[in-house]
């Protein structure tokens, strides 16, 4: 069976770059750069979390979780 969920994160066009990663993610220490107008999907195992930050200000993103 499957132990986890699929997470899709979309950064709207015209938005700021979002840096995705673990709990300690920063704009210089990250796992994935989510630029404006781009979507990213990842399979997370049970207990894993995905975090995002921007270099300055704030940025809203759209998130879909499947398998919750």
Protein backbone atom coordinates (compact mmCIF):
# COMPACT_ATOMS: atom_id res chain seq x y z
CA UNK A 1 0.00 0.00 0.00
CA UNK A 2 0.87 3.61 -0.23
CA UNK A 3 2.13 5.46 2.84
CA UNK A 4 2.05 9.17 2.04
CA UNK A 5 0.60 11.74 -0.28
CA UNK A 6 1.24 13.56 -3.53
CA UNK A 7 1.53 17.33 -3.22
CA UNK A 8 1.23 19.71 -6.19
CA UNK A 9 2.37 23.31 -5.64
CA UNK A 10 1.74 26.00 -8.26
CA UNK A 11 3.31 29.45 -8.19
CA UNK A 12 1.06 31.90 -10.09
CA UNK A 13 2.44 33.86 -13.03
CA UNK A 14 3.87 37.19 -11.93
CA UNK A 15 4.73 35.86 -8.47
CA UNK A 16 8.02 35.80 -6.62
CA UNK A 17 10.34 32.79 -6.80
CA UNK A 18 9.57 30.25 -4.06
CA UNK A 19 12.26 27.97 -2.63
CA UNK A 20 10.98 24.53 -1.57
CA UNK A 21 12.62 22.07 0.79
CA UNK A 22 12.65 20.73 4.31
CA UNK A 23 12.03 22.53 7.59
CA UNK A 24 15.28 24.52 7.31
CA UNK A 25 14.74 25.73 3.74
CA UNK A 26 16.18 29.15 2.85
CA UNK A 27 16.68 31.01 -0.42
CA UNK A 28 20.27 29.72 -0.47
CA UNK A 29 19.72 26.20 0.94
CA UNK A 30 16.79 24.55 -0.83
CA UNK A 31 15.72 21.48 -2.75
CA UNK A 32 13.75 23.03 -5.62
CA UNK A 33 13.31 26.52 -7.10
CA UNK A 34 9.66 27.17 -7.99
CA UNK A 35 9.65 30.11 -10.37
CA UNK A 36 6.57 32.16 -11.23
CA UNK A 37 4.16 30.34 -13.55
CA UNK A 38 5.57 26.89 -12.69
CA UNK A 39 4.04 23.90 -10.88
CA UNK A 40 5.89 21.18 -8.94
CA UNK A 41 4.63 17.77 -7.80
CA UNK A 42 6.28 15.55 -5.20
CA UNK A 43 5.40 12.32 -3.42
CA UNK A 44 5.85 12.68 0.34
CA UNK A 45 6.08 9.69 2.66
CA UNK A 46 4.11 9.57 5.90
CA UNK A 47 5.46 12.16 8.32
CA UNK A 48 7.36 14.18 5.70
CA UNK A 49 6.58 17.86 5.21
CA UNK A 50 7.28 20.35 2.44
CA UNK A 51 8.16 23.96 3.25
CA UNK A 52 8.55 27.04 1.08
CA UNK A 53 10.12 30.48 1.50
CA UNK A 54 10.71 33.57 -0.62
CA UNK A 55 13.76 35.84 -0.55
CA UNK A 56 11.68 38.83 0.57
CA UNK A 57 8.05 39.82 1.09
CA UNK A 58 5.39 37.09 0.70
CA UNK A 59 4.02 34.90 -2.09
CA UNK A 60 0.78 32.93 -2.24
CA UNK A 61 0.85 29.53 -3.93
CA UNK A 62 -1.87 27.01 -4.82
CA UNK A 63 -1.59 23.55 -3.24
CA UNK A 64 -3.39 20.26 -3.98
CA UNK A 65 -2.82 17.23 -1.76
CA UNK A 66 -3.86 13.76 -2.87
CA UNK A 67 -3.87 10.64 -0.73
CA UNK A 68 -4.47 12.44 2.54
